[in-house]
């Protein structure tokens, strides 16, 4: 299966791992695709989310020393889970609890 040139690396990894059409453990696919998210993109995603949640609670204090690796991991997972949601809404994948597969296409 070929993917469009404007597909993100993590979405391309998702599609490549699911190309066989079989059910796969969702966690394993997310972890593998998260490795394709650049650290800067992942960090910004996590920080954007953290700031939005803090602002909603009325907390404007700066973050007090958190582990950068953990922040990048959270951001990368959020990017991949967002891509899974987008693919699901567009009817390209099926998600059943903790399993995921590429939806069969009709010729």
N, C-alpha and C. Protein backbone atom coordinates (compact mmCIF):
# COMPACT_ATOMS: atom_id res chain seq x y z
N UNK A 1 0.84 -1.17 0.00
CA UNK A 1 0.00 0.00 0.00
C UNK A 1 0.89 1.24 0.00
N UNK A 2 0.60 2.16 -0.87
CA UNK A 2 1.37 3.39 -0.90
C UNK A 2 0.59 4.47 -0.18
N UNK A 3 1.30 5.35 0.46
CA UNK A 3 0.65 6.45 1.14
C UNK A 3 1.03 7.76 0.47
N UNK A 4 0.17 8.76 0.61
CA UNK A 4 0.46 10.05 -0.03
C UNK A 4 1.75 10.67 0.49
N UNK A 5 2.32 11.53 -0.31
CA UNK A 5 3.58 12.17 0.04
C UNK A 5 3.45 13.06 1.27
N UNK A 6 2.25 13.55 1.55
CA UNK A 6 2.08 14.46 2.69
C UNK A 6 1.71 13.73 3.98
N UNK A 7 1.84 12.41 4.02
CA UNK A 7 1.56 11.63 5.23
C UNK A 7 2.72 11.81 6.21
N UNK A 8 2.38 11.98 7.48
CA UNK A 8 3.43 12.12 8.49
C UNK A 8 4.17 10.80 8.64
N UNK A 9 5.41 10.84 9.11
CA UNK A 9 6.17 9.59 9.27
C UNK A 9 5.50 8.61 10.23
N UNK A 10 4.84 9.10 11.28
CA UNK A 10 4.20 8.20 12.23
C UNK A 10 2.93 7.59 11.64
N UNK A 11 2.22 8.32 10.80
CA UNK A 11 1.05 7.74 10.13
C UNK A 11 1.49 6.71 9.10
N UNK A 12 2.57 7.01 8.38
CA UNK A 12 3.09 6.04 7.42
C UNK A 12 3.52 4.76 8.13
N UNK A 13 4.12 4.88 9.31
CA UNK A 13 4.51 3.70 10.09
C UNK A 13 3.29 2.91 10.53
N UNK A 14 2.25 3.60 10.97
CA UNK A 14 1.00 2.92 11.34
C UNK A 14 0.47 2.11 10.17
N UNK A 15 0.38 2.75 9.01
CA UNK A 15 -0.17 2.08 7.83
C UNK A 15 0.71 0.91 7.39
N UNK A 16 2.02 1.07 7.49
CA UNK A 16 2.92 -0.01 7.11
C UNK A 16 2.76 -1.22 8.05
N UNK A 17 2.63 -0.96 9.33
CA UNK A 17 2.48 -2.06 10.30
C UNK A 17 1.15 -2.77 10.15
N UNK A 18 0.13 -2.06 9.66
CA UNK A 18 -1.20 -2.64 9.54
C UNK A 18 -1.49 -3.16 8.13
N UNK A 19 -0.54 -3.06 7.24
CA UNK A 19 -0.76 -3.38 5.83
C UNK A 19 -1.22 -4.81 5.57
N UNK A 20 -0.93 -5.74 6.47
CA UNK A 20 -1.33 -7.13 6.25
C UNK A 20 -2.81 -7.37 6.49
N UNK A 21 -3.52 -6.40 7.07
CA UNK A 21 -4.95 -6.52 7.29
C UNK A 21 -5.34 -7.32 8.51
N UNK A 22 -4.37 -7.87 9.24
CA UNK A 22 -4.66 -8.66 10.44
C UNK A 22 -4.82 -7.73 11.65
N UNK A 23 -5.43 -8.27 12.70
CA UNK A 23 -5.55 -7.53 13.94
C UNK A 23 -4.19 -7.49 14.63
N UNK A 24 -3.85 -6.32 15.19
CA UNK A 24 -2.59 -6.13 15.90
C UNK A 24 -2.89 -5.50 17.27
N UNK A 25 -2.05 -5.77 18.27
CA UNK A 25 -2.23 -5.09 19.56
C UNK A 25 -2.03 -3.58 19.38
N UNK A 26 -3.00 -2.81 19.82
CA UNK A 26 -2.95 -1.36 19.65
C UNK A 26 -1.70 -0.76 20.31
N UNK A 27 -1.38 -1.21 21.51
CA UNK A 27 -0.23 -0.66 22.23
C UNK A 27 1.08 -0.86 21.46
N UNK A 28 1.26 -2.05 20.89
CA UNK A 28 2.49 -2.33 20.15
C UNK A 28 2.61 -1.44 18.91
N UNK A 29 1.50 -1.21 18.24
CA UNK A 29 1.49 -0.36 17.05
C UNK A 29 1.76 1.09 17.43
N UNK A 30 1.16 1.54 18.52
CA UNK A 30 1.37 2.93 18.97
C UNK A 30 2.82 3.15 19.36
N UNK A 31 3.41 2.22 20.09
CA UNK A 31 4.81 2.36 20.52
C UNK A 31 5.73 2.41 19.31
N UNK A 32 5.50 1.54 18.33
CA UNK A 32 6.35 1.51 17.13
C UNK A 32 6.22 2.79 16.32
N UNK A 33 5.01 3.30 16.17
CA UNK A 33 4.80 4.52 15.39
C UNK A 33 5.31 5.75 16.15
N UNK A 34 5.22 5.74 17.48
CA UNK A 34 5.68 6.88 18.28
C UNK A 34 7.18 7.10 18.11
N UNK A 35 7.90 6.07 17.78
CA UNK A 35 9.35 6.20 17.56
C UNK A 35 9.64 7.06 16.33
N UNK A 36 8.67 7.23 15.45
CA UNK A 36 8.86 8.03 14.23
C UNK A 36 8.53 9.51 14.43
N UNK A 37 7.98 9.87 15.58
CA UNK A 37 7.65 11.27 15.86
C UNK A 37 8.93 11.99 16.28
N UNK A 38 9.30 13.07 15.57
CA UNK A 38 10.50 13.81 15.97
C UNK A 38 10.36 14.37 17.40
N UNK A 39 11.43 14.34 18.18
CA UNK A 39 11.36 14.79 19.57
C UNK A 39 10.83 16.21 19.74
N UNK A 40 11.21 17.11 18.86
CA UNK A 40 10.72 18.49 18.97
C UNK A 40 9.22 18.60 18.78
N UNK A 41 8.70 17.86 17.83
CA UNK A 41 7.25 17.85 17.57
C UNK A 41 6.53 17.26 18.78
N UNK A 42 7.06 16.16 19.31
CA UNK A 42 6.44 15.51 20.46
C UNK A 42 6.47 16.42 21.69
N UNK A 43 7.59 17.09 21.91
CA UNK A 43 7.72 17.99 23.06
C UNK A 43 6.71 19.14 22.97
N UNK A 44 6.61 19.74 21.78
CA UNK A 44 5.67 20.85 21.61
C UNK A 44 4.22 20.40 21.81
N UNK A 45 3.90 19.22 21.34
CA UNK A 45 2.54 18.68 21.52
C UNK A 45 2.21 18.51 23.00
N UNK A 46 3.12 17.92 23.75
CA UNK A 46 2.90 17.71 25.18
C UNK A 46 2.83 19.04 25.93
N UNK A 47 3.70 19.97 25.59
CA UNK A 47 3.69 21.28 26.26
C UNK A 47 2.41 22.06 25.95
N UNK A 48 1.97 22.00 24.71
CA UNK A 48 0.73 22.69 24.31
C UNK A 48 -0.44 22.14 25.12
N UNK A 49 -0.49 20.83 25.26
CA UNK A 49 -1.57 20.20 26.02
C UNK A 49 -1.47 20.55 27.50
N UNK A 50 -0.26 20.52 28.05
CA UNK A 50 -0.07 20.84 29.47
C UNK A 50 -0.49 22.27 29.77
N UNK A 51 -0.09 23.20 28.89
CA UNK A 51 -0.45 24.61 29.10
C UNK A 51 -1.95 24.84 29.01
N UNK A 52 -2.60 24.16 28.06
CA UNK A 52 -4.04 24.31 27.91
C UNK A 52 -4.77 23.78 29.16
N UNK A 53 -4.33 22.65 29.67
CA UNK A 53 -4.94 22.10 30.88
C UNK A 53 -4.69 22.99 32.09
N UNK A 54 -3.48 23.53 32.19
CA UNK A 54 -3.15 24.42 33.31
C UNK A 54 -3.97 25.70 33.24
N UNK A 55 -4.13 26.25 32.05
CA UNK A 55 -4.91 27.48 31.89
C UNK A 55 -6.38 27.23 32.23
N UNK A 56 -6.90 26.06 31.88
CA UNK A 56 -8.28 25.74 32.19
C UNK A 56 -8.50 25.66 33.70
N UNK A 57 -7.46 25.27 34.43
CA UNK A 57 -7.54 25.21 35.89
C UNK A 57 -7.18 26.54 36.53
N UNK A 58 -6.76 27.52 35.74
CA UNK A 58 -6.36 28.81 36.29
C UNK A 58 -4.94 28.83 36.81
N UNK A 59 -4.15 27.85 36.46
CA UNK A 59 -2.77 27.76 36.92
C UNK A 59 -1.86 28.40 35.86
N UNK A 60 -1.23 29.51 36.20
CA UNK A 60 -0.35 30.18 35.25
C UNK A 60 1.12 30.08 35.65
N UNK A 61 1.40 29.33 36.70
CA UNK A 61 2.78 29.17 37.14
C UNK A 61 3.56 28.33 36.12
N UNK A 62 4.85 28.60 35.95
CA UNK A 62 5.65 27.79 35.04
C UNK A 62 5.81 26.36 35.57
N UNK A 63 6.09 25.47 34.68
CA UNK A 63 6.27 24.06 35.02
C UNK A 63 7.50 23.92 35.91
N UNK A 64 7.39 23.09 36.91
CA UNK A 64 8.53 22.87 37.79
C UNK A 64 9.21 21.56 37.43
N UNK A 65 10.38 21.66 36.84
CA UNK A 65 11.24 20.55 36.43
C UNK A 65 10.61 19.19 36.26
N UNK A 66 10.22 18.87 35.05
CA UNK A 66 9.76 17.52 34.78
C UNK A 66 10.76 16.86 33.83
N UNK A 67 10.70 15.58 33.78
CA UNK A 67 11.62 14.78 32.96
C UNK A 67 11.32 15.01 31.48
N UNK A 68 12.29 15.54 30.74
CA UNK A 68 12.08 15.82 29.31
C UNK A 68 11.78 14.57 28.51
N UNK A 69 12.40 13.46 28.86
CA UNK A 69 12.16 12.21 28.14
C UNK A 69 10.69 11.80 28.31
N UNK A 70 10.17 11.94 29.50
CA UNK A 70 8.77 11.60 29.74
C UNK A 70 7.84 12.52 28.96
N UNK A 71 8.18 13.80 28.90
CA UNK A 71 7.37 14.77 28.15
C UNK A 71 7.36 14.41 26.67
N UNK A 72 8.51 14.06 26.12
CA UNK A 72 8.60 13.68 24.71
C UNK A 72 7.80 12.40 24.45
N UNK A 73 7.88 11.45 25.37
CA UNK A 73 7.14 10.19 25.22
C UNK A 73 5.63 10.45 25.20
N UNK A 74 5.18 11.28 26.11
CA UNK A 74 3.75 11.61 26.16
C UNK A 74 3.32 12.31 24.87
N UNK A 75 4.10 13.27 24.42
CA UNK A 75 3.77 13.99 23.19
C UNK A 75 3.74 13.09 21.97
N UNK A 76 4.70 12.17 21.88
CA UNK A 76 4.75 11.25 20.74
C UNK A 76 3.53 10.33 20.74
N UNK A 77 3.17 9.83 21.90
CA UNK A 77 1.98 8.97 21.99
C UNK A 77 0.72 9.74 21.62
N UNK A 78 0.63 10.98 22.05
CA UNK A 78 -0.55 11.79 21.71
C UNK A 78 -0.65 12.00 20.20
N UNK A 79 0.47 12.24 19.54
CA UNK A 79 0.47 12.42 18.09
C UNK A 79 -0.02 11.14 17.40
N UNK A 80 0.49 9.99 17.83
CA UNK A 80 0.11 8.72 17.20
C UNK A 80 -1.35 8.39 17.48
N UNK A 81 -1.79 8.59 18.71
CA UNK A 81 -3.19 8.30 19.04
C UNK A 81 -4.12 9.23 18.27
N UNK A 82 -3.68 10.47 18.07
CA UNK A 82 -4.45 11.39 17.23
C UNK A 82 -4.54 10.90 15.79
N UNK A 83 -3.44 10.35 15.28
CA UNK A 83 -3.45 9.80 13.92
C UNK A 83 -4.36 8.59 13.82
N UNK A 84 -4.36 7.75 14.85
CA UNK A 84 -5.27 6.59 14.87
C UNK A 84 -6.72 7.07 14.84
N UNK A 85 -7.03 8.07 15.63
CA UNK A 85 -8.38 8.62 15.65
C UNK A 85 -8.79 9.19 14.30
N UNK A 86 -7.88 9.88 13.65
CA UNK A 86 -8.16 10.45 12.34
C UNK A 86 -8.40 9.34 11.31
N UNK A 87 -7.56 8.31 11.33
CA UNK A 87 -7.74 7.19 10.41
C UNK A 87 -9.05 6.46 10.69
N UNK A 88 -9.42 6.37 11.95
CA UNK A 88 -10.68 5.71 12.31
C UNK A 88 -11.88 6.52 11.83
N UNK A 89 -11.83 7.83 12.03
CA UNK A 89 -12.94 8.68 11.57
C UNK A 89 -13.09 8.65 10.06
N UNK A 90 -11.98 8.49 9.36
CA UNK A 90 -12.02 8.43 7.90
C UNK A 90 -12.32 7.03 7.36
N UNK A 91 -12.52 6.08 8.26
CA UNK A 91 -12.88 4.74 7.85
C UNK A 91 -11.74 3.89 7.33
N UNK A 92 -10.51 4.23 7.65
CA UNK A 92 -9.35 3.48 7.15
C UNK A 92 -8.89 2.39 8.08
N UNK A 93 -9.21 2.49 9.38
CA UNK A 93 -8.84 1.45 10.33
C UNK A 93 -10.03 1.09 11.20
N UNK A 94 -10.00 -0.13 11.73
CA UNK A 94 -10.98 -0.58 12.72
C UNK A 94 -10.25 -0.70 14.05
N UNK A 95 -10.87 -0.20 15.11
CA UNK A 95 -10.30 -0.34 16.45
C UNK A 95 -11.35 -1.06 17.29
N UNK A 96 -10.92 -2.16 17.92
CA UNK A 96 -11.81 -2.95 18.76
C UNK A 96 -11.13 -3.15 20.10
N UNK A 97 -11.44 -2.29 21.04
CA UNK A 97 -10.81 -2.37 22.35
C UNK A 97 -9.32 -2.10 22.26
N UNK A 98 -8.51 -3.12 22.48
CA UNK A 98 -7.06 -2.94 22.44
C UNK A 98 -6.45 -3.56 21.18
N UNK A 99 -7.26 -3.69 20.12
CA UNK A 99 -6.77 -4.21 18.84
C UNK A 99 -7.07 -3.22 17.72
N UNK A 100 -6.24 -3.27 16.68
CA UNK A 100 -6.41 -2.38 15.53
C UNK A 100 -6.07 -3.14 14.25
N UNK A 101 -6.76 -2.82 13.17
CA UNK A 101 -6.44 -3.41 11.87
C UNK A 101 -6.78 -2.41 10.78
N UNK A 102 -6.14 -2.59 9.64
CA UNK A 102 -6.44 -1.78 8.47
C UNK A 102 -7.73 -2.31 7.87
N UNK A 103 -8.67 -1.43 7.58
CA UNK A 103 -9.94 -1.85 7.02
C UNK A 103 -9.75 -2.31 5.58
N UNK A 104 -10.42 -3.34 5.23
CA UNK A 104 -10.35 -3.86 3.86
C UNK A 104 -11.00 -2.87 2.91
N UNK A 105 -10.39 -2.69 1.76
CA UNK A 105 -10.95 -1.80 0.76
C UNK A 105 -11.56 -2.63 -0.34
N UNK A 106 -12.62 -2.14 -0.93
CA UNK A 106 -13.26 -2.87 -2.02
C UNK A 106 -12.70 -2.36 -3.34
N UNK A 107 -12.43 -3.28 -4.26
CA UNK A 107 -11.84 -2.87 -5.54
C UNK A 107 -12.79 -2.09 -6.40
